[in-house]
Amino acid sequence: MYKKVGIIFEDATNTHTAAYYSLVAAMANQAELIIMAKTLKNGSQTCLRYKNRIEKFISECEERNINIKTVHYEQLTLNNIEHFVKNEDIDIVFLPLDFDTIKNNRKLQIVINKIKKLTDVKFAIVKAVHMVKIHHSKVVLVLDKKISSIKDWGDFIFSLNELFLNKLTLMYLTKEKEDELPETLSKLVHLLEKNKIYIEKLILKGISGKKINLEAALRNFDLIVMGISKRSPIKTIFFGNLMLDVLKESPCNVIVFKT
């Protein structure tokens, strides 16, 4: 489980959703919540709005008796995020994606590649579509048979259980028609059900981001949770990238988990 949870507190409205997810994870693990914030230099409207958002979030944490620490940086760059993660010895970091990054293929790929290189820390990359809708009644977990660690995924799902209240849909996409989950996913399901999280299994033929987004829209999912793509930038150019397609076009919130 996690001892330290981090949140990159950007000056954007979608940060609130990622911050709430980090709060839920900190509560579940009784962990310290460490906020990476920008240093405020002047009293402009933007700075005041940013300060108010942080103060409101800190108040929400204090109401839940969460131990908080705030670390300030001049800018919230990827290099600073790397420094923040290593300096504070954080177990998992929640990183909100702004809409400009999501729509810019090159910028999004740079962010993802940088995060993949940070091997000693887990990341939860958050895209927010519903800014206010935080308690999710329908959550889909999209995984393939090559998940890196059953334990890591179990810990992550347990940490966010308050969001979906013991009920998940597991979507497994296959190239060929299959009737059963692969062994790795069956073990994860067993682990979750052993801890009283009910899993509805959904096995679908056809592997694409478009398929995931379509199913999410048709089934009215509130949140898609999936793993980070291991595909290289070169392969992405030639073969596409399912994760990036989901992030760009999803009809609901998305969390991309990097173990």
C-alpha atoms as a PDB file:
ATOM      1  CA  MET A   1       0.000   0.000   0.000  1.00  0.00           C
ATOM      2  CA  TYR A   2       1.005   3.658  -0.207  1.00  0.00           C
ATOM      3  CA  LYS A   3       2.671   5.726   2.512  1.00  0.00           C
ATOM      4  CA  LYS A   4       2.946   8.925   0.468  1.00  0.00           C
ATOM      5  CA  VAL A   5       0.525  10.099  -2.217  1.00  0.00           C
ATOM      6  CA  GLY A   6       1.372  13.081  -4.422  1.00  0.00           C
ATOM      7  CA  ILE A   7      -0.810  15.457  -6.426  1.00  0.00           C
ATOM      8  CA  ILE A   8       0.473  17.875  -9.069  1.00  0.00           C
ATOM      9  CA  PHE A   9      -1.741  20.887  -8.437  1.00  0.00           C
ATOM     10  CA  GLU A  10      -2.025  22.681 -11.767  1.00  0.00           C
ATOM     11  CA  ASP A  11      -3.763  26.000 -12.358  1.00  0.00           C
ATOM     12  CA  ALA A  12      -6.674  24.423 -14.219  1.00  0.00           C
ATOM     13  CA  THR A  13     -10.225  23.412 -13.396  1.00  0.00           C
ATOM     14  CA  ASN A  14      -9.574  19.749 -14.221  1.00  0.00           C
ATOM     15  CA  THR A  15      -7.024  19.604 -11.385  1.00  0.00           C
ATOM     16  CA  HIS A  16      -9.866  19.337  -8.877  1.00  0.00           C
ATOM     17  CA  THR A  17     -10.849  15.889 -10.148  1.00  0.00           C
ATOM     18  CA  ALA A  18      -7.290  14.535  -9.980  1.00  0.00           C
ATOM     19  CA  ALA A  19      -6.875  16.116  -6.552  1.00  0.00           C
ATOM     20  CA  TYR A  20     -10.018  14.406  -5.308  1.00  0.00           C
ATOM     21  CA  TYR A  21      -8.766  11.048  -6.587  1.00  0.00           C
ATOM     22  CA  SER A  22      -5.498  11.623  -4.696  1.00  0.00           C
ATOM     23  CA  LEU A  23      -7.475  12.483  -1.562  1.00  0.00           C
ATOM     24  CA  VAL A  24      -9.417   9.212  -1.854  1.00  0.00           C
ATOM     25  CA  ALA A  25      -6.171   7.245  -2.247  1.00  0.00           C
ATOM     26  CA  ALA A  26      -4.580   8.990   0.736  1.00  0.00           C
ATOM     27  CA  MET A  27      -7.616   8.242   2.905  1.00  0.00           C
ATOM     28  CA  ALA A  28      -7.718   4.579   1.895  1.00  0.00           C
ATOM     29  CA  ASN A  29      -4.045   4.112   2.774  1.00  0.00           C
ATOM     30  CA  GLN A  30      -3.899   6.517   5.734  1.00  0.00           C
ATOM     31  CA  ALA A  31      -1.074   8.081   3.756  1.00  0.00           C
ATOM     32  CA  GLU A  32       0.513  11.506   3.782  1.00  0.00           C
ATOM     33  CA  LEU A  33      -0.737  13.662   0.901  1.00  0.00           C
ATOM     34  CA  ILE A  34       1.947  15.837  -0.660  1.00  0.00           C
ATOM     35  CA  ILE A  35       0.858  18.723  -2.870  1.00  0.00           C
ATOM     36  CA  MET A  36       3.173  20.035  -5.578  1.00  0.00           C
ATOM     37  CA  ALA A  37       2.127  23.641  -6.119  1.00  0.00           C
ATOM     38  CA  LYS A  38       3.361  26.681  -7.994  1.00  0.00           C
ATOM     39  CA  THR A  39       5.011  29.552  -6.141  1.00  0.00           C
ATOM     40  CA  LEU A  40       2.723  32.580  -6.316  1.00  0.00           C
ATOM     41  CA  LYS A  41       4.463  35.837  -7.210  1.00  0.00           C
ATOM     42  CA  ASN A  42       1.737  38.427  -7.522  1.00  0.00           C
ATOM     43  CA  GLY A  43      -1.843  39.197  -6.656  1.00  0.00           C
ATOM     44  CA  SER A  44      -3.355  38.737 -10.110  1.00  0.00           C
ATOM     45  CA  GLN A  45      -6.777  37.168 -10.547  1.00  0.00           C
ATOM     46  CA  THR A  46      -5.159  33.973 -11.828  1.00  0.00           C
ATOM     47  CA  CYS A  47      -2.902  33.719  -8.777  1.00  0.00           C
ATOM     48  CA  LEU A  48      -5.748  34.431  -6.374  1.00  0.00           C
ATOM     49  CA  ARG A  49      -7.949  31.836  -8.049  1.00  0.00           C
ATOM     50  CA  TYR A  50      -5.134  29.289  -7.871  1.00  0.00           C
ATOM     51  CA  LYS A  51      -4.496  30.088  -4.208  1.00  0.00           C
ATOM     52  CA  ASN A  52      -8.200  29.724  -3.397  1.00  0.00           C
ATOM     53  CA  ARG A  53      -8.344  26.316  -5.095  1.00  0.00           C
ATOM     54  CA  ILE A  54      -5.387  25.032  -3.109  1.00  0.00           C
ATOM     55  CA  GLU A  55      -6.762  26.399   0.162  1.00  0.00           C
ATOM     56  CA  LYS A  56     -10.142  24.812  -0.514  1.00  0.00           C
ATOM     57  CA  PHE A  57      -8.510  21.463  -1.275  1.00  0.00           C
ATOM     58  CA  ILE A  58      -6.358  21.639   1.861  1.00  0.00           C
ATOM     59  CA  SER A  59      -9.501  22.328   3.899  1.00  0.00           C
ATOM     60  CA  GLU A  60     -11.169  19.253   2.384  1.00  0.00           C
ATOM     61  CA  CYS A  61      -8.146  17.166   3.376  1.00  0.00           C
ATOM     62  CA  GLU A  62      -8.054  18.564   6.897  1.00  0.00           C
ATOM     63  CA  GLU A  63     -11.746  17.779   7.363  1.00  0.00           C
ATOM     64  CA  ARG A  64     -10.846  14.146   6.654  1.00  0.00           C
ATOM     65  CA  ASN A  65      -7.819  14.210   8.988  1.00  0.00           C
ATOM     66  CA  ILE A  66      -5.335  13.683   6.159  1.00  0.00           C
ATOM     67  CA  ASN A  67      -1.743  14.648   6.896  1.00  0.00           C
ATOM     68  CA  ILE A  68      -0.717  17.239   4.269  1.00  0.00           C
ATOM     69  CA  LYS A  69       2.531  18.730   3.050  1.00  0.00           C
ATOM     70  CA  THR A  70       2.827  21.404   0.357  1.00  0.00           C
ATOM     71  CA  VAL A  71       5.965  21.770  -1.770  1.00  0.00           C
ATOM     72  CA  HIS A  72       6.325  24.867  -3.970  1.00  0.00           C
ATOM     73  CA  TYR A  73       8.072  25.194  -7.333  1.00  0.00           C
ATOM     74  CA  GLU A  74       8.467  28.150  -9.676  1.00  0.00           C
ATOM     75  CA  GLN A  75       6.979  26.067 -12.493  1.00  0.00           C
ATOM     76  CA  LEU A  76       5.304  22.680 -12.715  1.00  0.00           C
ATOM     77  CA  THR A  77       7.545  21.224 -15.426  1.00  0.00           C
ATOM     78  CA  LEU A  78       8.229  17.544 -16.093  1.00  0.00           C
ATOM     79  CA  ASN A  79      11.774  17.968 -14.758  1.00  0.00           C
ATOM     80  CA  ASN A  80      10.438  19.525 -11.567  1.00  0.00           C
ATOM     81  CA  ILE A  81       7.915  16.725 -11.223  1.00  0.00           C
ATOM     82  CA  GLU A  82      10.765  14.204 -11.444  1.00  0.00           C
ATOM     83  CA  HIS A  83      12.673  16.125  -8.753  1.00  0.00           C
ATOM     84  CA  PHE A  84       9.530  16.333  -6.605  1.00  0.00           C
ATOM     85  CA  VAL A  85       8.873  12.594  -6.841  1.00  0.00           C
ATOM     86  CA  LYS A  86      12.415  11.544  -5.975  1.00  0.00           C
ATOM     87  CA  ASN A  87      12.959  14.180  -3.302  1.00  0.00           C
ATOM     88  CA  GLU A  88       9.778  13.382  -1.400  1.00  0.00           C
ATOM     89  CA  ASP A  89       9.997   9.586  -1.860  1.00  0.00           C
ATOM     90  CA  ILE A  90       6.409   9.414  -3.114  1.00  0.00           C
ATOM     91  CA  ASP A  91       4.706   6.084  -3.818  1.00  0.00           C
ATOM     92  CA  ILE A  92       2.133   7.306  -6.337  1.00  0.00           C
ATOM     93  CA  VAL A  93       1.553  10.650  -8.041  1.00  0.00           C
ATOM     94  CA  PHE A  94      -1.742  11.882  -9.479  1.00  0.00           C
ATOM     95  CA  LEU A  95      -1.090  14.018 -12.543  1.00  0.00           C
ATOM     96  CA  PRO A  96      -3.933  15.959 -14.221  1.00  0.00           C
ATOM     97  CA  LEU A  97      -3.725  16.378 -17.981  1.00  0.00           C
ATOM     98  CA  ASP A  98      -4.815  19.743 -19.337  1.00  0.00           C
ATOM     99  CA  PHE A  99      -6.929  19.833 -22.481  1.00  0.00           C
ATOM    100  CA  ASP A 100      -4.188  21.430 -24.596  1.00  0.00           C
ATOM    101  CA  THR A 101      -1.870  18.505 -23.843  1.00  0.00           C
ATOM    102  CA  ILE A 102      -4.564  15.923 -24.579  1.00  0.00           C
ATOM    103  CA  LYS A 103      -5.332  17.417 -27.987  1.00  0.00           C
ATOM    104  CA  ASN A 104      -1.660  17.826 -28.958  1.00  0.00           C
ATOM    105  CA  ASN A 105      -0.308  14.404 -30.002  1.00  0.00           C
ATOM    106  CA  ARG A 106       3.349  15.370 -29.741  1.00  0.00           C
ATOM    107  CA  LYS A 107       2.985  17.086 -26.374  1.00  0.00           C
ATOM    108  CA  LEU A 108       0.968  14.195 -24.958  1.00  0.00           C
ATOM    109  CA  GLN A 109       3.532  11.663 -26.179  1.00  0.00           C
ATOM    110  CA  ILE A 110       6.371  13.647 -24.550  1.00  0.00           C
ATOM    111  CA  VAL A 111       4.548  13.662 -21.205  1.00  0.00           C
ATOM    112  CA  ILE A 112       3.800   9.930 -21.379  1.00  0.00           C
ATOM    113  CA  ASN A 113       7.366   9.014 -22.399  1.00  0.00           C
ATOM    114  CA  LYS A 114       8.827  11.091 -19.571  1.00  0.00           C
ATOM    115  CA  ILE A 115       6.580   9.406 -17.039  1.00  0.00           C
ATOM    116  CA  LYS A 116       7.439   5.940 -18.355  1.00  0.00           C
ATOM    117  CA  LYS A 117      11.116   6.669 -17.658  1.00  0.00           C
ATOM    118  CA  LEU A 118      10.416   7.349 -13.974  1.00  0.00           C
ATOM    119  CA  THR A 119      10.673   3.706 -13.011  1.00  0.00           C
ATOM    120  CA  ASP A 120      10.678   4.063  -9.230  1.00  0.00           C
ATOM    121  CA  VAL A 121       7.267   5.658  -8.812  1.00  0.00           C
ATOM    122  CA  LYS A 122       3.706   4.897  -9.791  1.00  0.00           C
ATOM    123  CA  PHE A 123       1.630   7.471 -11.653  1.00  0.00           C
ATOM    124  CA  ALA A 124      -2.101   7.980 -12.065  1.00  0.00           C
ATOM    125  CA  ILE A 125      -2.564  10.234 -15.098  1.00  0.00           C
ATOM    126  CA  VAL A 126      -5.999  11.842 -15.019  1.00  0.00           C
ATOM    127  CA  LYS A 127      -8.183  13.203 -17.772  1.00  0.00           C
ATOM    128  CA  ALA A 128     -11.291  14.932 -16.437  1.00  0.00           C
ATOM    129  CA  VAL A 129     -14.425  15.214 -18.546  1.00  0.00           C
ATOM    130  CA  HIS A 130     -16.938  15.513 -15.711  1.00  0.00           C
ATOM    131  CA  MET A 131     -15.542  18.165 -13.395  1.00  0.00           C
ATOM    132  CA  VAL A 132     -18.263  17.828 -10.778  1.00  0.00           C
ATOM    133  CA  LYS A 133     -19.296  14.188 -11.117  1.00  0.00           C
ATOM    134  CA  ILE A 134     -16.817  12.606  -8.735  1.00  0.00           C
ATOM    135  CA  HIS A 135     -18.647   9.644  -7.225  1.00  0.00           C
ATOM    136  CA  HIS A 136     -18.761   7.137 -10.073  1.00  0.00           C
ATOM    137  CA  SER A 137     -21.521   4.562 -10.219  1.00  0.00           C
ATOM    138  CA  LYS A 138     -20.126   2.826 -13.318  1.00  0.00           C
ATOM    139  CA  VAL A 139     -16.386   2.256 -13.658  1.00  0.00           C
ATOM    140  CA  VAL A 140     -14.672   0.132 -16.297  1.00  0.00           C
ATOM    141  CA  LEU A 141     -11.217  -1.343 -15.837  1.00  0.00           C
ATOM    142  CA  VAL A 142      -9.615  -1.990 -19.246  1.00  0.00           C
ATOM    143  CA  LEU A 143      -6.732  -4.477 -19.123  1.00  0.00           C
ATOM    144  CA  ASP A 144      -4.900  -6.913 -21.338  1.00  0.00           C
ATOM    145  CA  LYS A 145      -3.281 -10.203 -20.383  1.00  0.00           C
ATOM    146  CA  LYS A 146       0.160  -8.610 -19.952  1.00  0.00           C
ATOM    147  CA  ILE A 147      -0.456  -6.607 -16.778  1.00  0.00           C
ATOM    148  CA  SER A 148       2.858  -5.988 -15.055  1.00  0.00           C
ATOM    149  CA  SER A 149       1.897  -6.665 -11.441  1.00  0.00           C
ATOM    150  CA  ILE A 150      -1.282  -8.113  -9.984  1.00  0.00           C
ATOM    151  CA  LYS A 151      -0.353  -6.727  -6.568  1.00  0.00           C
ATOM    152  CA  ASP A 152       0.222  -3.192  -7.891  1.00  0.00           C
ATOM    153  CA  TRP A 153      -3.126  -3.223  -9.663  1.00  0.00           C
ATOM    154  CA  GLY A 154      -4.825  -4.638  -6.590  1.00  0.00           C
ATOM    155  CA  ASP A 155      -3.353  -1.933  -4.356  1.00  0.00           C
ATOM    156  CA  PHE A 156      -4.377   0.785  -6.805  1.00  0.00           C
ATOM    157  CA  ILE A 157      -7.958  -0.423  -7.140  1.00  0.00           C
ATOM    158  CA  PHE A 158      -8.355  -0.846  -3.374  1.00  0.00           C
ATOM    159  CA  SER A 159      -7.072   2.712  -2.948  1.00  0.00           C
ATOM    160  CA  LEU A 160      -9.824   4.099  -5.182  1.00  0.00           C
ATOM    161  CA  ASN A 161     -12.608   1.826  -3.992  1.00  0.00           C
ATOM    162  CA  GLU A 162     -14.543   4.728  -2.468  1.00  0.00           C
ATOM    163  CA  LEU A 163     -15.104   6.044  -5.997  1.00  0.00           C
ATOM    164  CA  PHE A 164     -17.002   2.986  -7.197  1.00  0.00           C
ATOM    165  CA  LEU A 165     -18.181   1.360  -3.954  1.00  0.00           C
ATOM    166  CA  ASN A 166     -17.131  -2.261  -4.450  1.00  0.00           C
ATOM    167  CA  LYS A 167     -18.345  -2.693  -8.014  1.00  0.00           C
ATOM    168  CA  LEU A 168     -16.308  -2.692 -11.243  1.00  0.00           C
ATOM    169  CA  THR A 169     -16.600  -3.813 -14.834  1.00  0.00           C
ATOM    170  CA  LEU A 170     -13.477  -5.492 -16.183  1.00  0.00           C
ATOM    171  CA  MET A 171     -13.201  -5.071 -19.955  1.00  0.00           C
ATOM    172  CA  TYR A 172     -10.869  -7.473 -21.730  1.00  0.00           C
ATOM    173  CA  LEU A 173     -10.360  -6.876 -25.444  1.00  0.00           C
ATOM    174  CA  THR A 174      -9.114  -9.761 -27.577  1.00  0.00           C
ATOM    175  CA  LYS A 175      -7.861 -10.250 -31.127  1.00  0.00           C
ATOM    176  CA  GLU A 176      -9.697 -13.552 -31.395  1.00  0.00           C
ATOM    177  CA  LYS A 177     -12.953 -14.640 -29.800  1.00  0.00           C
ATOM    178  CA  GLU A 178     -12.349 -15.858 -26.242  1.00  0.00           C
ATOM    179  CA  ASP A 179     -14.855 -16.979 -23.628  1.00  0.00           C
ATOM    180  CA  GLU A 180     -12.666 -16.788 -20.533  1.00  0.00           C
ATOM    181  CA  LEU A 181     -10.279 -14.275 -19.022  1.00  0.00           C
ATOM    182  CA  PRO A 182      -6.549 -15.071 -19.261  1.00  0.00           C
ATOM    183  CA  GLU A 183      -4.876 -16.434 -16.135  1.00  0.00           C
ATOM    184  CA  THR A 184      -3.336 -13.119 -15.055  1.00  0.00           C
ATOM    185  CA  LEU A 185      -6.666 -11.300 -15.118  1.00  0.00           C
ATOM    186  CA  SER A 186      -8.441 -14.200 -13.425  1.00  0.00           C
ATOM    187  CA  LYS A 187      -5.946 -13.925 -10.575  1.00  0.00           C
ATOM    188  CA  LEU A 188      -6.612 -10.193 -10.288  1.00  0.00           C
ATOM    189  CA  VAL A 189     -10.377 -10.795 -10.259  1.00  0.00           C
ATOM    190  CA  HIS A 190      -9.916 -13.423  -7.540  1.00  0.00           C
ATOM    191  CA  LEU A 191      -7.859 -10.980  -5.466  1.00  0.00           C
ATOM    192  CA  LEU A 192     -10.467  -8.230  -5.812  1.00  0.00           C
ATOM    193  CA  GLU A 193     -13.445 -10.475  -5.123  1.00  0.00           C
ATOM    194  CA  LYS A 194     -11.655 -11.906  -2.111  1.00  0.00           C
ATOM    195  CA  ASN A 195     -11.646  -8.334  -0.800  1.00  0.00           C
ATOM    196  CA  LYS A 196     -15.368  -7.916  -1.503  1.00  0.00           C
ATOM    197  CA  ILE A 197     -15.098  -5.968  -4.766  1.00  0.00           C
ATOM    198  CA  TYR A 198     -17.677  -7.315  -7.207  1.00  0.00           C
ATOM    199  CA  ILE A 199     -16.418  -7.698 -10.787  1.00  0.00           C
ATOM    200  CA  GLU A 200     -18.584  -7.839 -13.891  1.00  0.00           C
ATOM    201  CA  LYS A 201     -16.585  -9.385 -16.742  1.00  0.00           C
ATOM    202  CA  LEU A 202     -16.857  -8.026 -20.266  1.00  0.00           C
ATOM    203  CA  ILE A 203     -14.912  -9.849 -23.002  1.00  0.00           C
ATOM    204  CA  LEU A 204     -15.019  -8.168 -26.406  1.00  0.00           C
ATOM    205  CA  LYS A 205     -13.361  -8.934 -29.715  1.00  0.00           C
ATOM    206  CA  GLY A 206     -11.490  -6.061 -31.318  1.00  0.00           C
ATOM    207  CA  ILE A 207      -8.649  -4.037 -29.817  1.00  0.00           C
ATOM    208  CA  SER A 208      -8.879  -0.283 -30.356  1.00  0.00           C
ATOM    209  CA  GLY A 209      -9.307   2.945 -28.456  1.00  0.00           C
ATOM    210  CA  LYS A 210     -12.371   3.679 -30.553  1.00  0.00           C
ATOM    211  CA  LYS A 211     -13.960   0.421 -29.362  1.00  0.00           C
ATOM    212  CA  ILE A 212     -13.304   1.287 -25.711  1.00  0.00           C
ATOM    213  CA  ASN A 213     -14.718   4.795 -26.068  1.00  0.00           C
ATOM    214  CA  LEU A 214     -17.777   3.522 -27.919  1.00  0.00           C
ATOM    215  CA  GLU A 215     -18.497   0.915 -25.243  1.00  0.00           C
ATOM    216  CA  ALA A 216     -17.965   3.531 -22.544  1.00  0.00           C
ATOM    217  CA  ALA A 217     -20.517   5.804 -24.205  1.00  0.00           C
ATOM    218  CA  LEU A 218     -23.067   3.045 -24.891  1.00  0.00           C
ATOM    219  CA  ARG A 219     -22.839   1.663 -21.352  1.00  0.00           C
ATOM    220  CA  ASN A 220     -22.718   5.101 -19.687  1.00  0.00           C
ATOM    221  CA  PHE A 221     -19.464   4.524 -17.846  1.00  0.00           C
ATOM    222  CA  ASP A 222     -18.338   7.382 -15.603  1.00  0.00           C
ATOM    223  CA  LEU A 223     -14.674   6.422 -15.460  1.00  0.00           C
ATOM    224  CA  ILE A 224     -12.211   4.389 -17.544  1.00  0.00           C
ATOM    225  CA  VAL A 225      -9.179   2.976 -15.722  1.00  0.00           C
ATOM    226  CA  MET A 226      -6.404   1.492 -17.841  1.00  0.00           C
ATOM    227  CA  GLY A 227      -2.669   0.817 -17.858  1.00  0.00           C
ATOM    228  CA  ILE A 228      -0.049   2.961 -19.531  1.00  0.00           C
ATOM    229  CA  SER A 229       0.967   1.924 -23.034  1.00  0.00           C
ATOM    230  CA  LYS A 230       4.326   0.197 -23.414  1.00  0.00           C
ATOM    231  CA  ARG A 231       4.402   0.930 -27.138  1.00  0.00           C
ATOM    232  CA  SER A 232       7.408   2.972 -28.296  1.00  0.00           C
ATOM    233  CA  PRO A 233       7.018   6.308 -30.136  1.00  0.00           C
ATOM    234  CA  ILE A 234       8.172   4.656 -33.388  1.00  0.00           C
ATOM    235  CA  LYS A 235       5.612   1.848 -33.128  1.00  0.00           C
ATOM    236  CA  THR A 236       2.969   4.411 -32.201  1.00  0.00           C
ATOM    237  CA  ILE A 237       3.602   6.232 -35.484  1.00  0.00           C
ATOM    238  CA  PHE A 238       3.071   3.062 -37.526  1.00  0.00           C
ATOM    239  CA  PHE A 239       0.519   1.131 -35.468  1.00  0.00           C
ATOM    240  CA  GLY A 240      -1.237   3.759 -33.368  1.00  0.00           C
ATOM    241  CA  ASN A 241      -1.667   3.732 -29.613  1.00  0.00           C
ATOM    242  CA  LEU A 242      -4.823   2.522 -27.882  1.00  0.00           C
ATOM    243  CA  MET A 243      -4.157   4.474 -24.690  1.00  0.00           C
ATOM    244  CA  LEU A 244      -3.620   7.775 -26.515  1.00  0.00           C
ATOM    245  CA  ASP A 245      -6.787   7.219 -28.545  1.00  0.00           C
ATOM    246  CA  VAL A 246      -8.785   6.682 -25.356  1.00  0.00           C
ATOM    247  CA  LEU A 247      -7.321   9.778 -23.709  1.00  0.00           C
ATOM    248  CA  LYS A 248      -8.071  11.997 -26.699  1.00  0.00           C
ATOM    249  CA  GLU A 249     -11.648  10.911 -27.386  1.00  0.00           C
ATOM    250  CA  SER A 250     -13.073   9.379 -24.199  1.00  0.00           C
ATOM    251  CA  PRO A 251     -16.653  10.356 -23.280  1.00  0.00           C
ATOM    252  CA  CYS A 252     -15.860  10.174 -19.561  1.00  0.00           C
ATOM    253  CA  ASN A 253     -13.048  10.590 -17.052  1.00  0.00           C
ATOM    254  CA  VAL A 254      -9.920   8.482 -17.542  1.00  0.00           C
ATOM    255  CA  ILE A 255      -7.177   7.323 -15.179  1.00  0.00           C
ATOM    256  CA  VAL A 256      -4.070   5.835 -16.789  1.00  0.00           C
ATOM    257  CA  PHE A 257      -2.129   3.876 -14.182  1.00  0.00           C
ATOM    258  CA  LYS A 258       1.620   3.382 -14.519  1.00  0.00           C
ATOM    259  CA  THR A 259       3.033   0.719 -12.223  1.00  0.00           C
END
